[in-house]
Amino acid sequence: MSTAEPSVFTRIIERELPSTILFEDDRLIAIIPLQKLAAVHILVIPKVAEFANVTELAAGDPQLLADLVARSQALADEYCGGQYRLVFNTGAAAGQTVFHVHAHVLGGALEEGSLAG
C-alpha cells in the first residue's frame, strides 16, 4: 500500500475538495481550475491516479487516452465553438505541478502566466 498523499485531483474526485464539475462519468471528470489560463480553461482528468503523465497513460491505457481526447473535443465544442488547444504538461521542468495525468482544454485568448498544472 502506498504512503503517498493523494493528489489534489484524487481529492476532488473523492469529493474531499470542492470544485466546479462540468462533466463526470465512471472514467473521467472535467473541472474548471482555480487559476484560469485562458478565457475557457477546463481540466479533463482520468479518475485513476496510476498515470503521472500522458506518456504513461498512452502506454498503460490507450483507450482511456482516446476517451480523454474525445471528451476534450466535446467540451471544446460546447464551451468554445470547437476551437481549442489541448495541453499536457509532462515533467516539472515543463510546468507539471500535479503528477496525476490531466489535459488542459484552452479556448480563447491566453491569460498572462504559464501553462502550469
Foldseek 3Di string as FASTA:
>chain_A
DDPDDDWPVLCVVVVVDDFAWPDDDPFWTKTDDPDAFAPDKIKIATNDQPAQWDVSCCVPPVVSVVVSVVVLQVVCCVPPVSDWDKDTQDDVVSQEDTRGYIIITHHHDTHPDHPHD
